[in-house]
Amino acid sequence: IEVVDPYTNERLVPSTLGPGQFMGELSFLNAGSVTLATR
């Protein structure tokens, strides 16, 4: 899974999430919203 630049639709950072790794950040704890798209 890769993080997507919302303006260029390209990969935002070189690294990706592989097997065993997980999405999300602190907003998950407070039932927030996604601020960086992933695909």
Full PDB file with SEQRES, HELIX, SHEET, SSBOND, CRYST1, ORIGX, SCALE, CONECT and MASTER records, all heavy atoms in Angstrom:
SEQRES   1 A   39  ILE GLU VAL VAL ASP PRO TYR THR ASN GLU ARG LEU VAL          
SEQRES   2 A   39  PRO SER THR LEU GLY PRO GLY GLN PHE MET GLY GLU LEU          
SEQRES   3 A   39  SER PHE LEU ASN ALA GLY SER VAL THR LEU ALA THR ARG          
HELIX    1 AA1 LEU A   26  PHE A   28  5                                   3    
SHEET    1 AA1 2 VAL A   3  VAL A   4  0                                        
SHEET    2 AA1 2 ALA A  37  THR A  38 -1                                        
CRYST1    1.000    1.000    1.000  90.00  90.00  90.00 P 1           1          
ORIGX1      1.000000  0.000000  0.000000        0.00000                         
ORIGX2      0.000000  1.000000  0.000000        0.00000                         
ORIGX3      0.000000  0.000000  1.000000        0.00000                         
SCALE1      1.000000  0.000000  0.000000        0.00000                         
SCALE2      0.000000  1.000000  0.000000        0.00000                         
SCALE3      0.000000  0.000000  1.000000        0.00000                         
ATOM      1  N   ILE A   1       0.853  -1.186   0.000  1.00  0.00           N  
ATOM      2  CA  ILE A   1       0.000   0.000   0.000  1.00  0.00           C  
ATOM      3  C   ILE A   1       0.886   1.232   0.000  1.00  0.00           C  
ATOM      4  O   ILE A   1       1.872   1.303   0.754  1.00  0.00           O  
ATOM      5  CB  ILE A   1      -0.941   0.011   1.217  1.00  0.00           C  
ATOM      6  CG1 ILE A   1      -2.019  -1.067   1.065  1.00  0.00           C  
ATOM      7  CG2 ILE A   1      -1.599   1.377   1.396  1.00  0.00           C  
ATOM      8  CD1 ILE A   1      -2.964  -1.175   2.243  1.00  0.00           C  
ATOM      9  N   GLU A   2       0.554   2.210  -0.856  1.00  0.00           N  
ATOM     10  CA  GLU A   2       1.346   3.434  -0.954  1.00  0.00           C  
ATOM     11  C   GLU A   2       0.507   4.642  -0.556  1.00  0.00           C  
ATOM     12  O   GLU A   2      -0.723   4.640  -0.690  1.00  0.00           O  
ATOM     13  CB  GLU A   2       1.862   3.622  -2.378  1.00  0.00           C  
ATOM     14  CG  GLU A   2       0.771   3.767  -3.422  1.00  0.00           C  
ATOM     15  CD  GLU A   2       1.318   3.825  -4.842  1.00  0.00           C  
ATOM     16  OE1 GLU A   2       2.550   3.849  -5.014  1.00  0.00           O  
ATOM     17  OE2 GLU A   2       0.491   3.853  -5.789  1.00  0.00           O  
ATOM     18  N   VAL A   3       1.201   5.691  -0.060  1.00  0.00           N  
ATOM     19  CA  VAL A   3       0.560   6.962   0.261  1.00  0.00           C  
ATOM     20  C   VAL A   3       0.565   7.815  -1.000  1.00  0.00           C  
ATOM     21  O   VAL A   3       1.577   7.899  -1.705  1.00  0.00           O  
ATOM     22  CB  VAL A   3       1.296   7.682   1.398  1.00  0.00           C  
ATOM     23  CG1 VAL A   3       0.619   9.015   1.714  1.00  0.00           C  
ATOM     24  CG2 VAL A   3       1.319   6.809   2.647  1.00  0.00           C  
ATOM     25  N   VAL A   4      -0.574   8.464  -1.278  1.00  0.00           N  
ATOM     26  CA  VAL A   4      -0.745   9.175  -2.535  1.00  0.00           C  
ATOM     27  C   VAL A   4      -0.763  10.687  -2.318  1.00  0.00           C  
ATOM     28  O   VAL A   4      -1.429  11.191  -1.405  1.00  0.00           O  
ATOM     29  CB  VAL A   4      -2.066   8.743  -3.220  1.00  0.00           C  
ATOM     30  CG1 VAL A   4      -2.244   9.456  -4.554  1.00  0.00           C  
ATOM     31  CG2 VAL A   4      -2.083   7.234  -3.416  1.00  0.00           C  
ATOM     32  N   ASP A   5      -0.023  11.400  -3.164  1.00  0.00           N  
ATOM     33  CA  ASP A   5      -0.066  12.855  -3.161  1.00  0.00           C  
ATOM     34  C   ASP A   5      -1.422  13.279  -3.729  1.00  0.00           C  
ATOM     35  O   ASP A   5      -1.741  12.958  -4.876  1.00  0.00           O  
ATOM     36  CB  ASP A   5       1.056  13.417  -4.026  1.00  0.00           C  
ATOM     37  CG  ASP A   5       1.166  14.941  -3.931  1.00  0.00           C  
ATOM     38  OD1 ASP A   5       0.114  15.614  -3.963  1.00  0.00           O  
ATOM     39  OD2 ASP A   5       2.291  15.442  -3.827  1.00  0.00           O  
ATOM     40  N   PRO A   6      -2.244  14.000  -2.949  1.00  0.00           N  
ATOM     41  CA  PRO A   6      -3.598  14.328  -3.413  1.00  0.00           C  
ATOM     42  C   PRO A   6      -3.636  15.299  -4.592  1.00  0.00           C  
ATOM     43  O   PRO A   6      -4.657  15.420  -5.258  1.00  0.00           O  
ATOM     44  CB  PRO A   6      -4.248  14.941  -2.179  1.00  0.00           C  
ATOM     45  CG  PRO A   6      -3.116  15.496  -1.396  1.00  0.00           C  
ATOM     46  CD  PRO A   6      -1.971  14.550  -1.613  1.00  0.00           C  
ATOM     47  N   TYR A   7      -2.514  15.964  -4.867  1.00  0.00           N  
ATOM     48  CA  TYR A   7      -2.504  16.961  -5.937  1.00  0.00           C  
ATOM     49  C   TYR A   7      -1.916  16.428  -7.244  1.00  0.00           C  
ATOM     50  O   TYR A   7      -2.335  16.838  -8.319  1.00  0.00           O  
ATOM     51  CB  TYR A   7      -1.750  18.212  -5.468  1.00  0.00           C  
ATOM     52  CG  TYR A   7      -2.450  18.870  -4.308  1.00  0.00           C  
ATOM     53  CD1 TYR A   7      -2.145  18.519  -3.002  1.00  0.00           C  
ATOM     54  CD2 TYR A   7      -3.457  19.795  -4.518  1.00  0.00           C  
ATOM     55  CE1 TYR A   7      -2.820  19.088  -1.928  1.00  0.00           C  
ATOM     56  CE2 TYR A   7      -4.135  20.377  -3.454  1.00  0.00           C  
ATOM     57  CZ  TYR A   7      -3.815  20.011  -2.161  1.00  0.00           C  
ATOM     58  OH  TYR A   7      -4.500  20.574  -1.107  1.00  0.00           O  
ATOM     59  N   THR A   8      -0.933  15.517  -7.136  1.00  0.00           N  
ATOM     60  CA  THR A   8      -0.332  14.963  -8.349  1.00  0.00           C  
ATOM     61  C   THR A   8      -0.811  13.555  -8.648  1.00  0.00           C  
ATOM     62  O   THR A   8      -0.611  13.051  -9.743  1.00  0.00           O  
ATOM     63  CB  THR A   8       1.201  14.933  -8.210  1.00  0.00           C  
ATOM     64  OG1 THR A   8       1.563  14.007  -7.169  1.00  0.00           O  
ATOM     65  CG2 THR A   8       1.741  16.322  -7.868  1.00  0.00           C  
ATOM     66  N   ASN A   9      -1.423  12.912  -7.640  1.00  0.00           N  
ATOM     67  CA  ASN A   9      -1.875  11.523  -7.752  1.00  0.00           C  
ATOM     68  C   ASN A   9      -0.717  10.543  -7.874  1.00  0.00           C  
ATOM     69  O   ASN A   9      -0.912   9.374  -8.215  1.00  0.00           O  
ATOM     70  CB  ASN A   9      -2.836  11.341  -8.934  1.00  0.00           C  
ATOM     71  CG  ASN A   9      -3.998  10.427  -8.585  1.00  0.00           C  
ATOM     72  OD1 ASN A   9      -4.429  10.389  -7.433  1.00  0.00           O  
ATOM     73  ND2 ASN A   9      -4.502   9.700  -9.565  1.00  0.00           N  
ATOM     74  N   GLU A  10       0.497  11.018  -7.595  1.00  0.00           N  
ATOM     75  CA  GLU A  10       1.670  10.149  -7.618  1.00  0.00           C  
ATOM     76  C   GLU A  10       1.966   9.671  -6.201  1.00  0.00           C  
ATOM     77  O   GLU A  10       1.407  10.157  -5.232  1.00  0.00           O  
ATOM     78  CB  GLU A  10       2.877  10.910  -8.180  1.00  0.00           C  
ATOM     79  CG  GLU A  10       2.689  11.447  -9.594  1.00  0.00           C  
ATOM     80  CD  GLU A  10       2.521  10.323 -10.608  1.00  0.00           C  
ATOM     81  OE1 GLU A  10       3.143   9.265 -10.424  1.00  0.00           O  
ATOM     82  OE2 GLU A  10       1.756  10.514 -11.582  1.00  0.00           O  
ATOM     83  N   ARG A  11       2.899   8.704  -6.085  1.00  0.00           N  
ATOM     84  CA  ARG A  11       3.312   8.227  -4.770  1.00  0.00           C  
ATOM     85  C   ARG A  11       3.971   9.379  -4.011  1.00  0.00           C  
ATOM     86  O   ARG A  11       4.844  10.065  -4.543  1.00  0.00           O  
ATOM     87  CB  ARG A  11       4.274   7.053  -4.911  1.00  0.00           C  
ATOM     88  CG  ARG A  11       4.744   6.495  -3.566  1.00  0.00           C  
ATOM     89  CD  ARG A  11       5.707   5.327  -3.741  1.00  0.00           C  
ATOM     90  NE  ARG A  11       5.037   4.164  -4.311  1.00  0.00           N  
ATOM     91  CZ  ARG A  11       5.652   2.987  -4.513  1.00  0.00           C  
ATOM     92  NH1 ARG A  11       6.937   2.855  -4.215  1.00  0.00           N  
ATOM     93  NH2 ARG A  11       4.987   1.976  -5.032  1.00  0.00           N  
ATOM     94  N   LEU A  12       3.544   9.593  -2.763  1.00  0.00           N  
ATOM     95  CA  LEU A  12       4.023  10.741  -1.989  1.00  0.00           C  
ATOM     96  C   LEU A  12       5.390  10.492  -1.365  1.00  0.00           C  
ATOM     97  O   LEU A  12       6.237  11.386  -1.321  1.00  0.00           O  
ATOM     98  CB  LEU A  12       3.004  11.093  -0.899  1.00  0.00           C  
ATOM     99  CG  LEU A  12       3.323  12.319  -0.038  1.00  0.00           C  
ATOM    100  CD1 LEU A  12       3.364  13.580  -0.899  1.00  0.00           C  
ATOM    101  CD2 LEU A  12       2.299  12.470   1.078  1.00  0.00           C  
ATOM    102  N   VAL A  13       5.620   9.296  -0.850  1.00  0.00           N  
ATOM    103  CA  VAL A  13       6.893   8.957  -0.209  1.00  0.00           C  
ATOM    104  C   VAL A  13       7.435   7.676  -0.829  1.00  0.00           C  
ATOM    105  O   VAL A  13       6.671   6.845  -1.335  1.00  0.00           O  
ATOM    106  CB  VAL A  13       6.716   8.767   1.316  1.00  0.00           C  
ATOM    107  CG1 VAL A  13       6.368  10.083   1.978  1.00  0.00           C  
ATOM    108  CG2 VAL A  13       5.662   7.721   1.630  1.00  0.00           C  
ATOM    109  N   PRO A  14       8.747   7.496  -0.824  1.00  0.00           N  
ATOM    110  CA  PRO A  14       9.333   6.321  -1.484  1.00  0.00           C  
ATOM    111  C   PRO A  14       8.896   4.990  -0.873  1.00  0.00           C  
ATOM    112  O   PRO A  14       8.707   4.002  -1.584  1.00  0.00           O  
ATOM    113  CB  PRO A  14      10.843   6.532  -1.319  1.00  0.00           C  
ATOM    114  CG  PRO A  14      11.011   7.987  -1.011  1.00  0.00           C  
ATOM    115  CD  PRO A  14       9.781   8.398  -0.281  1.00  0.00           C  
ATOM    116  N   SER A  15       8.748   4.953   0.442  1.00  0.00           N  
ATOM    117  CA  SER A  15       8.447   3.687   1.109  1.00  0.00           C  
ATOM    118  C   SER A  15       6.979   3.315   0.974  1.00  0.00           C  
ATOM    119  O   SER A  15       6.115   4.180   0.751  1.00  0.00           O  
ATOM    120  CB  SER A  15       8.816   3.773   2.589  1.00  0.00           C  
ATOM    121  OG  SER A  15       8.107   4.818   3.216  1.00  0.00           O  
ATOM    122  N   THR A  16       6.690   2.033   1.119  1.00  0.00           N  
ATOM    123  CA  THR A  16       5.319   1.533   1.093  1.00  0.00           C  
ATOM    124  C   THR A  16       5.087   0.669   2.328  1.00  0.00           C  
ATOM    125  O   THR A  16       6.020   0.339   3.060  1.00  0.00           O  
ATOM    126  CB  THR A  16       5.068   0.694  -0.167  1.00  0.00           C  
ATOM    127  OG1 THR A  16       5.974  -0.436  -0.172  1.00  0.00           O  
ATOM    128  CG2 THR A  16       5.260   1.517  -1.431  1.00  0.00           C  
ATOM    129  N   LEU A  17       3.828   0.316   2.550  1.00  0.00           N  
ATOM    130  CA  LEU A  17       3.483  -0.602   3.644  1.00  0.00           C  
ATOM    131  C   LEU A  17       3.408  -2.004   3.073  1.00  0.00           C  
ATOM    132  O   LEU A  17       2.672  -2.261   2.114  1.00  0.00           O  
ATOM    133  CB  LEU A  17       2.147  -0.212   4.265  1.00  0.00           C  
ATOM    134  CG  LEU A  17       2.072   1.169   4.918  1.00  0.00           C  
ATOM    135  CD1 LEU A  17       0.655   1.434   5.417  1.00  0.00           C  
ATOM    136  CD2 LEU A  17       3.067   1.287   6.063  1.00  0.00           C  
ATOM    137  N   GLY A  18       4.178  -2.924   3.677  1.00  0.00           N  
ATOM    138  CA  GLY A  18       4.198  -4.299   3.208  1.00  0.00           C  
ATOM    139  C   GLY A  18       3.525  -5.236   4.188  1.00  0.00           C  
ATOM    140  O   GLY A  18       2.895  -4.796   5.162  1.00  0.00           O  
ATOM    141  N   PRO A  19       3.618  -6.545   3.977  1.00  0.00           N  
ATOM    142  CA  PRO A  19       2.966  -7.539   4.839  1.00  0.00           C  
ATOM    143  C   PRO A  19       3.285  -7.345   6.321  1.00  0.00           C  
ATOM    144  O   PRO A  19       4.439  -7.177   6.706  1.00  0.00           O  
ATOM    145  CB  PRO A  19       3.520  -8.860   4.312  1.00  0.00           C  
ATOM    146  CG  PRO A  19       3.798  -8.583   2.865  1.00  0.00           C  
ATOM    147  CD  PRO A  19       4.315  -7.178   2.836  1.00  0.00           C  
ATOM    148  N   GLY A  20       2.226  -7.323   7.130  1.00  0.00           N  
ATOM    149  CA  GLY A  20       2.367  -7.156   8.567  1.00  0.00           C  
ATOM    150  C   GLY A  20       2.339  -5.714   9.027  1.00  0.00           C  
ATOM    151  O   GLY A  20       2.180  -5.451  10.223  1.00  0.00           O  
ATOM    152  N   GLN A  21       2.475  -4.765   8.093  1.00  0.00           N  
ATOM    153  CA  GLN A  21       2.427  -3.349   8.454  1.00  0.00           C  
ATOM    154  C   GLN A  21       0.994  -2.820   8.327  1.00  0.00           C  
ATOM    155  O   GLN A  21       0.162  -3.422   7.647  1.00  0.00           O  
ATOM    156  CB  GLN A  21       3.385  -2.542   7.577  1.00  0.00           C  
ATOM    157  CG  GLN A  21       4.851  -2.899   7.831  1.00  0.00           C  
ATOM    158  CD  GLN A  21       5.797  -2.086   6.969  1.00  0.00           C  
ATOM    159  OE1 GLN A  21       5.785  -2.187   5.745  1.00  0.00           O  
ATOM    160  NE2 GLN A  21       6.616  -1.270   7.610  1.00  0.00           N  
ATOM    161  N   PHE A  22       0.732  -1.686   8.966  1.00  0.00           N  
ATOM    162  CA  PHE A  22      -0.647  -1.210   9.054  1.00  0.00           C  
ATOM    163  C   PHE A  22      -0.756   0.266   8.699  1.00  0.00           C  
ATOM    164  O   PHE A  22       0.204   1.027   8.799  1.00  0.00           O  
ATOM    165  CB  PHE A  22      -1.225  -1.456  10.448  1.00  0.00           C  
ATOM    166  CG  PHE A  22      -0.383  -0.922  11.573  1.00  0.00           C  
ATOM    167  CD1 PHE A  22      -0.573   0.364  12.069  1.00  0.00           C  
ATOM    168  CD2 PHE A  22       0.600  -1.719  12.160  1.00  0.00           C  
ATOM    169  CE1 PHE A  22       0.201   0.851  13.103  1.00  0.00           C  
ATOM    170  CE2 PHE A  22       1.380  -1.231  13.200  1.00  0.00           C  
ATOM    171  CZ  PHE A  22       1.187   0.055  13.676  1.00  0.00           C  
ATOM    172  N   MET A  23      -1.957   0.656   8.288  1.00  0.00           N  
ATOM    173  CA  MET A  23      -2.258   2.041   7.947  1.00  0.00           C  
ATOM    174  C   MET A  23      -2.662   2.823   9.199  1.00  0.00           C  
ATOM    175  O   MET A  23      -2.934   2.241  10.235  1.00  0.00           O  
ATOM    176  CB  MET A  23      -3.413   2.106   6.934  1.00  0.00           C  
ATOM    177  CG  MET A  23      -3.054   1.622   5.551  1.00  0.00           C  
ATOM    178  SD  MET A  23      -4.514   1.420   4.478  1.00  0.00           S  
ATOM    179  CE  MET A  23      -5.549   2.815   4.935  1.00  0.00           C  
ATOM    180  N   GLY A  24      -2.748   4.151   9.030  1.00  0.00           N  
ATOM    181  CA  GLY A  24      -3.343   4.975  10.071  1.00  0.00           C  
ATOM    182  C   GLY A  24      -2.357   5.787  10.881  1.00  0.00           C  
ATOM    183  O   GLY A  24      -1.143   5.593  10.826  1.00  0.00           O  
ATOM    184  N   GLU A  25      -2.911   6.734  11.626  1.00  0.00           N  
ATOM    185  CA  GLU A  25      -2.148   7.548  12.580  1.00  0.00           C  
ATOM    186  C   GLU A  25      -3.079   7.939  13.715  1.00  0.00           C  
ATOM    187  O   GLU A  25      -4.159   7.360  13.853  1.00  0.00           O  
ATOM    188  CB  GLU A  25      -1.481   8.739  11.891  1.00  0.00           C  
ATOM    189  CG  GLU A  25      -2.399   9.618  11.078  1.00  0.00           C  
ATOM    190  CD  GLU A  25      -2.937  10.797  11.867  1.00  0.00           C  
ATOM    191  OE1 GLU A  25      -2.200  11.435  12.630  1.00  0.00           O  
ATOM    192  OE2 GLU A  25      -4.125  11.085  11.720  1.00  0.00           O  
ATOM    193  N   LEU A  26      -2.674   8.890  14.553  1.00  0.00           N  
ATOM    194  CA  LEU A  26      -3.379   9.151  15.798  1.00  0.00           C  
ATOM    195  C   LEU A  26      -4.851   9.497  15.642  1.00  0.00           C  
ATOM    196  O   LEU A  26      -5.634   9.274  16.567  1.00  0.00           O  
ATOM    197  CB  LEU A  26      -2.675  10.271  16.568  1.00  0.00           C  
ATOM    198  CG  LEU A  26      -1.335   9.888  17.204  1.00  0.00           C  
ATOM    199  CD1 LEU A  26      -0.678  11.125  17.809  1.00  0.00           C  
ATOM    200  CD2 LEU A  26      -1.520   8.812  18.266  1.00  0.00           C  
ATOM    201  N   SER A  27      -5.247  10.038  14.497  1.00  0.00           N  
ATOM    202  CA  SER A  27      -6.659  10.384  14.304  1.00  0.00           C  
ATOM    203  C   SER A  27      -7.561   9.166  14.419  1.00  0.00           C  
ATOM    204  O   SER A  27      -8.757   9.304  14.708  1.00  0.00           O  
ATOM    205  CB  SER A  27      -6.856  11.042  12.928  1.00  0.00           C  
ATOM    206  OG  SER A  27      -6.191  12.282  12.875  1.00  0.00           O  
ATOM    207  N   PHE A  28      -7.010   7.991  14.212  1.00  0.00           N  
ATOM    208  CA  PHE A  28      -7.790   6.757  14.350  1.00  0.00           C  
ATOM    209  C   PHE A  28      -8.360   6.636  15.757  1.00  0.00           C  
ATOM    210  O   PHE A  28      -9.495   6.186  15.950  1.00  0.00           O  
ATOM    211  CB  PHE A  28      -6.897   5.553  14.037  1.00  0.00           C  
ATOM    212  CG  PHE A  28      -7.548   4.215  14.272  1.00  0.00           C  
ATOM    213  CD1 PHE A  28      -8.395   3.663  13.322  1.00  0.00           C  
ATOM    214  CD2 PHE A  28      -7.317   3.503  15.445  1.00  0.00           C  
ATOM    215  CE1 PHE A  28      -8.996   2.428  13.544  1.00  0.00           C  
ATOM    216  CE2 PHE A  28      -7.912   2.279  15.675  1.00  0.00           C  
ATOM    217  CZ  PHE A  28      -8.758   1.738  14.714  1.00  0.00           C  
ATOM    218  N   LEU A  29      -7.581   7.039  16.765  1.00  0.00           N  
ATOM    219  CA  LEU A  29      -8.014   6.899  18.153  1.00  0.00           C  
ATOM    220  C   LEU A  29      -9.225   7.765  18.457  1.00  0.00           C  
ATOM    221  O   LEU A  29     -10.048   7.423  19.297  1.00  0.00           O  
ATOM    222  CB  LEU A  29      -6.870   7.263  19.101  1.00  0.00           C  
ATOM    223  CG  LEU A  29      -5.574   6.462  18.969  1.00  0.00           C  
ATOM    224  CD1 LEU A  29      -4.543   6.978  19.954  1.00  0.00           C  
ATOM    225  CD2 LEU A  29      -5.828   4.969  19.186  1.00  0.00           C  
ATOM    226  N   ASN A  30      -9.327   8.911  17.778  1.00  0.00           N  
ATOM    227  CA  ASN A  30     -10.413   9.852  18.045  1.00  0.00           C  
ATOM    228  C   ASN A  30     -11.501   9.805  16.975  1.00  0.00           C  
ATOM    229  O   ASN A  30     -12.313  10.719  16.870  1.00  0.00           O  
ATOM    230  CB  ASN A  30      -9.851  11.283  18.135  1.00  0.00           C  
ATOM    231  CG  ASN A  30     -10.767  12.222  18.900  1.00  0.00           C  
ATOM    232  OD1 ASN A  30     -11.322  11.860  19.935  1.00  0.00           O  
ATOM    233  ND2 ASN A  30     -10.929  13.436  18.390  1.00  0.00           N  
ATOM    234  N   ALA A  31     -11.500   8.716  16.182  1.00  0.00           N  
ATOM    235  CA  ALA A  31     -12.498   8.550  15.119  1.00  0.00           C  
ATOM    236  C   ALA A  31     -12.489   9.734  14.154  1.00  0.00           C  
ATOM    237  O   ALA A  31     -13.530  10.252  13.774  1.00  0.00           O  
ATOM    238  CB  ALA A  31     -13.896   8.354  15.710  1.00  0.00           C  
ATOM    239  N   GLY A  32     -11.281  10.150  13.762  1.00  0.00           N  
ATOM    240  CA  GLY A  32     -11.134  11.259  12.832  1.00  0.00           C  
ATOM    241  C   GLY A  32     -11.309  10.829  11.392  1.00  0.00           C  
ATOM    242  O   GLY A  32     -11.906   9.784  11.092  1.00  0.00           O  
ATOM    243  N   SER A  33     -10.767  11.646  10.478  1.00  0.00           N  
ATOM    244  CA  SER A  33     -10.891  11.389   9.052  1.00  0.00           C  
ATOM    245  C   SER A  33      -9.518  11.245   8.410  1.00  0.00           C  
ATOM    246  O   SER A  33      -8.515  11.716   8.946  1.00  0.00           O  
ATOM    247  CB  SER A  33     -11.654  12.532   8.366  1.00  0.00           C  
ATOM    248  OG  SER A  33     -12.943  12.682   8.922  1.00  0.00           O  
ATOM    249  N   VAL A  34      -9.496  10.628   7.254  1.00  0.00           N  
ATOM    250  CA  VAL A  34      -8.258  10.420   6.498  1.00  0.00           C  
ATOM    251  C   VAL A  34      -7.777  11.750   5.926  1.00  0.00           C  
ATOM    252  O   VAL A  34      -8.554  12.501   5.329  1.00  0.00           O  
ATOM    253  CB  VAL A  34      -8.493   9.407   5.358  1.00  0.00           C  
ATOM    254  CG1 VAL A  34      -7.249   9.297   4.467  1.00  0.00           C  
ATOM    255  CG2 VAL A  34      -8.876   8.047   5.925  1.00  0.00           C  
ATOM    256  N   THR A  35      -6.489  12.067   6.114  1.00  0.00           N  
ATOM    257  CA  THR A  35      -5.925  13.290   5.531  1.00  0.00           C  
ATOM    258  C   THR A  35      -4.880  12.983   4.471  1.00  0.00           C  
ATOM    259  O   THR A  35      -4.407  13.899   3.795  1.00  0.00           O  
ATOM    260  CB  THR A  35      -5.289  14.173   6.608  1.00  0.00           C  
ATOM    261  OG1 THR A  35      -4.285  13.436   7.311  1.00  0.00           O  
ATOM    262  CG2 THR A  35      -6.342  14.664   7.594  1.00  0.00           C  
ATOM    263  N   LEU A  36      -4.494  11.721   4.317  1.00  0.00           N  
ATOM    264  CA  LEU A  36      -3.597  11.309   3.248  1.00  0.00           C  
ATOM    265  C   LEU A  36      -4.165  10.040   2.614  1.00  0.00           C  
ATOM    266  O   LEU A  36      -4.349   9.030   3.305  1.00  0.00           O  
ATOM    267  CB  LEU A  36      -2.183  11.041   3.775  1.00  0.00           C  
ATOM    268  CG  LEU A  36      -1.337  12.276   4.108  1.00  0.00           C  
ATOM    269  CD1 LEU A  36      -0.014  11.861   4.746  1.00  0.00           C  
ATOM    270  CD2 LEU A  36      -1.071  13.114   2.870  1.00  0.00           C  
ATOM    271  N   ALA A  37      -4.441  10.102   1.335  1.00  0.00           N  
ATOM    272  CA  ALA A  37      -5.039   8.955   0.640  1.00  0.00           C  
ATOM    273  C   ALA A  37      -4.029   7.833   0.487  1.00  0.00           C  
ATOM    274  O   ALA A  37      -2.816   8.055   0.416  1.00  0.00           O  
ATOM    275  CB  ALA A  37      -5.550   9.397  -0.722  1.00  0.00           C  
ATOM    276  N   THR A  38      -4.533   6.600   0.422  1.00  0.00           N  
ATOM    277  CA  THR A  38      -3.689   5.420   0.208  1.00  0.00           C  
ATOM    278  C   THR A  38      -4.318   4.531  -0.859  1.00  0.00           C  
ATOM    279  O   THR A  38      -5.546   4.504  -1.026  1.00  0.00           O  
ATOM    280  CB  THR A  38      -3.538   4.607   1.512  1.00  0.00           C  
ATOM    281  OG1 THR A  38      -4.844   4.321   2.042  1.00  0.00           O  
ATOM    282  CG2 THR A  38      -2.731   5.355   2.547  1.00  0.00           C  
ATOM    283  N   ARG A  39      -3.473   3.797  -1.566  1.00  0.00           N  
ATOM    284  CA  ARG A  39      -3.976   2.876  -2.585  1.00  0.00           C  
ATOM    285  C   ARG A  39      -3.058   1.677  -2.692  1.00  0.00           C  
ATOM    286  O   ARG A  39      -1.902   1.700  -2.218  1.00  0.00           O  
ATOM    287  CB  ARG A  39      -4.089   3.574  -3.943  1.00  0.00           C  
ATOM    288  CG  ARG A  39      -2.770   3.915  -4.585  1.00  0.00           C  
ATOM    289  CD  ARG A  39      -2.957   4.689  -5.873  1.00  0.00           C  
ATOM    290  NE  ARG A  39      -1.660   5.190  -6.350  1.00  0.00           N  
ATOM    291  CZ  ARG A  39      -1.522   6.241  -7.135  1.00  0.00           C  
ATOM    292  NH1 ARG A  39      -2.590   6.924  -7.547  1.00  0.00           N  
ATOM    293  NH2 ARG A  39      -0.322   6.622  -7.522  1.00  0.00           N  
TER     294      ARG A  39                                                      
MASTER        0    0    0    1    2    0    0    6  293    1    0    3          
END                                                                             
